[in-house]
Amino acid sequence: MQQIVEEVVRWFGFGVLKILTLGRYRGGGRADELSGGAIGLAVLIGTSYLV
């Protein structure tokens, strides 16, 4: 269950980075897990705060 939550957060971050760079972001590998997870977590926290 923990890995599912981790992947969901990481993919939120990946999606945001893809949108912000207008599709030029090529991440998604092992080296990009931390940045994707941090961005995804920030997006989820920000959305929760706004709601």
PDB file of N, CA and C in Angstrom:
ATOM      1  N   MET A   1       0.817  -1.189   0.000  1.00  0.00           N
ATOM      2  CA  MET A   1       0.000   0.000   0.000  1.00  0.00           C
ATOM      3  C   MET A   1       0.868   1.264   0.000  1.00  0.00           C
ATOM      4  N   GLN A   2       1.963   1.208   0.747  1.00  0.00           N
ATOM      5  CA  GLN A   2       2.863   2.354   0.817  1.00  0.00           C
ATOM      6  C   GLN A   2       3.470   2.652  -0.549  1.00  0.00           C
ATOM      7  N   GLN A   3       3.825   1.624  -1.287  1.00  0.00           N
ATOM      8  CA  GLN A   3       4.405   1.836  -2.609  1.00  0.00           C
ATOM      9  C   GLN A   3       3.393   2.410  -3.590  1.00  0.00           C
ATOM     10  N   ILE A   4       2.130   2.064  -3.439  1.00  0.00           N
ATOM     11  CA  ILE A   4       1.094   2.620  -4.301  1.00  0.00           C
ATOM     12  C   ILE A   4       0.963   4.111  -4.064  1.00  0.00           C
ATOM     13  N   VAL A   5       0.918   4.516  -2.799  1.00  0.00           N
ATOM     14  CA  VAL A   5       0.827   5.935  -2.460  1.00  0.00           C
ATOM     15  C   VAL A   5       2.063   6.674  -2.966  1.00  0.00           C
ATOM     16  N   GLU A   6       3.223   6.076  -2.783  1.00  0.00           N
ATOM     17  CA  GLU A   6       4.473   6.684  -3.240  1.00  0.00           C
ATOM     18  C   GLU A   6       4.471   6.895  -4.759  1.00  0.00           C
ATOM     19  N   GLU A   7       4.022   5.913  -5.498  1.00  0.00           N
ATOM     20  CA  GLU A   7       3.970   6.024  -6.957  1.00  0.00           C
ATOM     21  C   GLU A   7       2.957   7.077  -7.405  1.00  0.00           C
ATOM     22  N   VAL A   8       1.818   7.141  -6.735  1.00  0.00           N
ATOM     23  CA  VAL A   8       0.805   8.144  -7.093  1.00  0.00           C
ATOM     24  C   VAL A   8       1.364   9.547  -6.896  1.00  0.00           C
ATOM     25  N   VAL A   9       2.026   9.780  -5.782  1.00  0.00           N
ATOM     26  CA  VAL A   9       2.619  11.091  -5.511  1.00  0.00           C
ATOM     27  C   VAL A   9       3.690  11.409  -6.544  1.00  0.00           C
ATOM     28  N   ARG A  10       4.518  10.447  -6.868  1.00  0.00           N
ATOM     29  CA  ARG A  10       5.594  10.658  -7.839  1.00  0.00           C
ATOM     30  C   ARG A  10       5.030  10.952  -9.224  1.00  0.00           C
ATOM     31  N   TRP A  11       3.958  10.280  -9.609  1.00  0.00           N
ATOM     32  CA  TRP A  11       3.374  10.529 -10.926  1.00  0.00           C
ATOM     33  C   TRP A  11       2.645  11.865 -10.987  1.00  0.00           C
ATOM     34  N   PHE A  12       2.096  12.326  -9.862  1.00  0.00           N
ATOM     35  CA  PHE A  12       1.550  13.690  -9.827  1.00  0.00           C
ATOM     36  C   PHE A  12       2.665  14.684 -10.131  1.00  0.00           C
ATOM     37  N   GLY A  13       3.806  14.495  -9.496  1.00  0.00           N
ATOM     38  CA  GLY A  13       4.949  15.372  -9.732  1.00  0.00           C
ATOM     39  C   GLY A  13       5.434  15.302 -11.166  1.00  0.00           C
ATOM     40  N   PHE A  14       5.480  14.102 -11.725  1.00  0.00           N
ATOM     41  CA  PHE A  14       5.899  13.931 -13.111  1.00  0.00           C
ATOM     42  C   PHE A  14       4.949  14.676 -14.050  1.00  0.00           C
ATOM     43  N   GLY A  15       3.657  14.558 -13.790  1.00  0.00           N
ATOM     44  CA  GLY A  15       2.670  15.244 -14.622  1.00  0.00           C
ATOM     45  C   GLY A  15       2.791  16.756 -14.549  1.00  0.00           C
ATOM     46  N   VAL A  16       3.011  17.279 -13.346  1.00  0.00           N
ATOM     47  CA  VAL A  16       3.167  18.723 -13.182  1.00  0.00           C
ATOM     48  C   VAL A  16       4.420  19.207 -13.896  1.00  0.00           C
ATOM     49  N   LEU A  17       5.510  18.485 -13.761  1.00  0.00           N
ATOM     50  CA  LEU A  17       6.739  18.877 -14.446  1.00  0.00           C
ATOM     51  C   LEU A  17       6.574  18.813 -15.963  1.00  0.00           C
ATOM     52  N   LYS A  18       5.841  17.835 -16.472  1.00  0.00           N
ATOM     53  CA  LYS A  18       5.570  17.744 -17.906  1.00  0.00           C
ATOM     54  C   LYS A  18       4.753  18.951 -18.377  1.00  0.00           C
ATOM     55  N   ILE A  19       3.763  19.342 -17.591  1.00  0.00           N
ATOM     56  CA  ILE A  19       2.917  20.484 -17.956  1.00  0.00           C
ATOM     57  C   ILE A  19       3.708  21.781 -17.891  1.00  0.00           C
ATOM     58  N   LEU A  20       4.479  21.972 -16.826  1.00  0.00           N
ATOM     59  CA  LEU A  20       5.232  23.213 -16.666  1.00  0.00           C
ATOM     60  C   LEU A  20       6.298  23.397 -17.737  1.00  0.00           C
ATOM     61  N   THR A  21       6.862  22.317 -18.234  1.00  0.00           N
ATOM     62  CA  THR A  21       7.898  22.422 -19.266  1.00  0.00           C
ATOM     63  C   THR A  21       7.322  22.226 -20.665  1.00  0.00           C
ATOM     64  N   LEU A  22       6.001  22.273 -20.772  1.00  0.00           N
ATOM     65  CA  LEU A  22       5.299  22.128 -22.048  1.00  0.00           C
ATOM     66  C   LEU A  22       5.661  20.831 -22.772  1.00  0.00           C
ATOM     67  N   GLY A  23       5.782  19.751 -21.994  1.00  0.00           N
ATOM     68  CA  GLY A  23       6.028  18.431 -22.557  1.00  0.00           C
ATOM     69  C   GLY A  23       7.480  18.091 -22.820  1.00  0.00           C
ATOM     70  N   ARG A  24       8.402  18.991 -22.498  1.00  0.00           N
ATOM     71  CA  ARG A  24       9.814  18.728 -22.782  1.00  0.00           C
ATOM     72  C   ARG A  24      10.511  17.940 -21.675  1.00  0.00           C
ATOM     73  N   TYR A  25       9.901  17.795 -20.518  1.00  0.00           N
ATOM     74  CA  TYR A  25      10.518  17.068 -19.405  1.00  0.00           C
ATOM     75  C   TYR A  25      10.607  15.590 -19.746  1.00  0.00           C
ATOM     76  N   ARG A  26      11.797  15.015 -19.642  1.00  0.00           N
ATOM     77  CA  ARG A  26      12.031  13.621 -20.016  1.00  0.00           C
ATOM     78  C   ARG A  26      12.264  12.715 -18.816  1.00  0.00           C
ATOM     79  N   GLY A  27      12.012  13.188 -17.616  1.00  0.00           N
ATOM     80  CA  GLY A  27      12.301  12.426 -16.403  1.00  0.00           C
ATOM     81  C   GLY A  27      11.503  11.145 -16.312  1.00  0.00           C
ATOM     82  N   GLY A  28      11.422  10.633 -15.122  1.00  0.00           N
ATOM     83  CA  GLY A  28      10.697   9.400 -14.890  1.00  0.00           C
ATOM     84  C   GLY A  28      11.610   8.241 -14.546  1.00  0.00           C
ATOM     85  N   GLY A  29      12.920   8.464 -14.611  1.00  0.00           N
ATOM     86  CA  GLY A  29      13.870   7.410 -14.269  1.00  0.00           C
ATOM     87  C   GLY A  29      14.169   7.391 -12.783  1.00  0.00           C
ATOM     88  N   ARG A  30      15.092   6.533 -12.399  1.00  0.00           N
ATOM     89  CA  ARG A  30      15.437   6.408 -10.979  1.00  0.00           C
ATOM     90  C   ARG A  30      16.063   7.680 -10.422  1.00  0.00           C
ATOM     91  N   ALA A  31      16.807   8.403 -11.250  1.00  0.00           N
ATOM     92  CA  ALA A  31      17.468   9.617 -10.781  1.00  0.00           C
ATOM     93  C   ALA A  31      16.475  10.755 -10.554  1.00  0.00           C
ATOM     94  N   ASP A  32      15.300  10.649 -11.129  1.00  0.00           N
ATOM     95  CA  ASP A  32      14.302  11.717 -11.032  1.00  0.00           C
ATOM     96  C   ASP A  32      13.206  11.429 -10.010  1.00  0.00           C
ATOM     97  N   GLU A  33      13.341  10.365  -9.257  1.00  0.00           N
ATOM     98  CA  GLU A  33      12.304   9.997  -8.292  1.00  0.00           C
ATOM     99  C   GLU A  33      12.142  11.041  -7.191  1.00  0.00           C
ATOM    100  N   LEU A  34      13.248  11.581  -6.700  1.00  0.00           N
ATOM    101  CA  LEU A  34      13.172  12.542  -5.601  1.00  0.00           C
ATOM    102  C   LEU A  34      12.501  13.830  -6.033  1.00  0.00           C
ATOM    103  N   SER A  35      12.890  14.366  -7.183  1.00  0.00           N
ATOM    104  CA  SER A  35      12.285  15.618  -7.639  1.00  0.00           C
ATOM    105  C   SER A  35      10.809  15.429  -7.971  1.00  0.00           C
ATOM    106  N   GLY A  36      10.472  14.335  -8.609  1.00  0.00           N
ATOM    107  CA  GLY A  36       9.071  14.062  -8.917  1.00  0.00           C
ATOM    108  C   GLY A  36       8.241  13.887  -7.669  1.00  0.00           C
ATOM    109  N   GLY A  37       8.776  13.188  -6.695  1.00  0.00           N
ATOM    110  CA  GLY A  37       8.060  12.986  -5.436  1.00  0.00           C
ATOM    111  C   GLY A  37       7.879  14.277  -4.664  1.00  0.00           C
ATOM    112  N   ALA A  38       8.908  15.122  -4.658  1.00  0.00           N
ATOM    113  CA  ALA A  38       8.814  16.398  -3.933  1.00  0.00           C
ATOM    114  C   ALA A  38       7.787  17.317  -4.576  1.00  0.00           C
ATOM    115  N   ILE A  39       7.802  17.407  -5.888  1.00  0.00           N
ATOM    116  CA  ILE A  39       6.834  18.247  -6.596  1.00  0.00           C
ATOM    117  C   ILE A  39       5.424  17.685  -6.406  1.00  0.00           C
ATOM    118  N   GLY A  40       5.279  16.383  -6.534  1.00  0.00           N
ATOM    119  CA  GLY A  40       3.968  15.750  -6.346  1.00  0.00           C
ATOM    120  C   GLY A  40       3.420  15.962  -4.956  1.00  0.00           C
ATOM    121  N   LEU A  41       4.264  15.823  -3.954  1.00  0.00           N
ATOM    122  CA  LEU A  41       3.830  16.040  -2.583  1.00  0.00           C
ATOM    123  C   LEU A  41       3.428  17.492  -2.362  1.00  0.00           C
ATOM    124  N   ALA A  42       4.193  18.420  -2.933  1.00  0.00           N
ATOM    125  CA  ALA A  42       3.855  19.845  -2.808  1.00  0.00           C
ATOM    126  C   ALA A  42       2.511  20.146  -3.470  1.00  0.00           C
ATOM    127  N   VAL A  43       2.259  19.536  -4.615  1.00  0.00           N
ATOM    128  CA  VAL A  43       0.985  19.752  -5.307  1.00  0.00           C
ATOM    129  C   VAL A  43      -0.178  19.216  -4.482  1.00  0.00           C
ATOM    130  N   LEU A  44      -0.019  18.020  -3.938  1.00  0.00           N
ATOM    131  CA  LEU A  44      -1.088  17.446  -3.134  1.00  0.00           C
ATOM    132  C   LEU A  44      -1.323  18.231  -1.855  1.00  0.00           C
ATOM    133  N   ILE A  45      -0.260  18.700  -1.217  1.00  0.00           N
ATOM    134  CA  ILE A  45      -0.410  19.501  -0.003  1.00  0.00           C
ATOM    135  C   ILE A  45      -1.079  20.830  -0.332  1.00  0.00           C
ATOM    136  N   GLY A  46      -0.632  21.476  -1.422  1.00  0.00           N
ATOM    137  CA  GLY A  46      -1.231  22.741  -1.828  1.00  0.00           C
ATOM    138  C   GLY A  46      -2.699  22.611  -2.172  1.00  0.00           C
ATOM    139  N   THR A  47      -3.048  21.551  -2.862  1.00  0.00           N
ATOM    140  CA  THR A  47      -4.455  21.307  -3.204  1.00  0.00           C
ATOM    141  C   THR A  47      -5.291  21.057  -1.956  1.00  0.00           C
ATOM    142  N   SER A  48      -4.758  20.285  -1.050  1.00  0.00           N
ATOM    143  CA  SER A  48      -5.477  20.016   0.210  1.00  0.00           C
ATOM    144  C   SER A  48      -5.667  21.298   1.015  1.00  0.00           C
ATOM    145  N   TYR A  49      -4.663  22.145   1.018  1.00  0.00           N
ATOM    146  CA  TYR A  49      -4.756  23.396   1.755  1.00  0.00           C
ATOM    147  C   TYR A  49      -5.828  24.296   1.156  1.00  0.00           C
ATOM    148  N   LEU A  50      -5.890  24.361  -0.171  1.00  0.00           N
ATOM    149  CA  LEU A  50      -6.884  25.205  -0.832  1.00  0.00           C
ATOM    150  C   LEU A  50      -8.294  24.712  -0.626  1.00  0.00           C
ATOM    151  N   VAL A  51      -8.460  23.395  -0.603  1.00  0.00           N
ATOM    152  CA  VAL A  51      -9.786  22.824  -0.414  1.00  0.00           C
ATOM    153  C   VAL A  51     -10.208  23.019   1.020  1.00  0.00           C
TER     154      VAL A  51
END
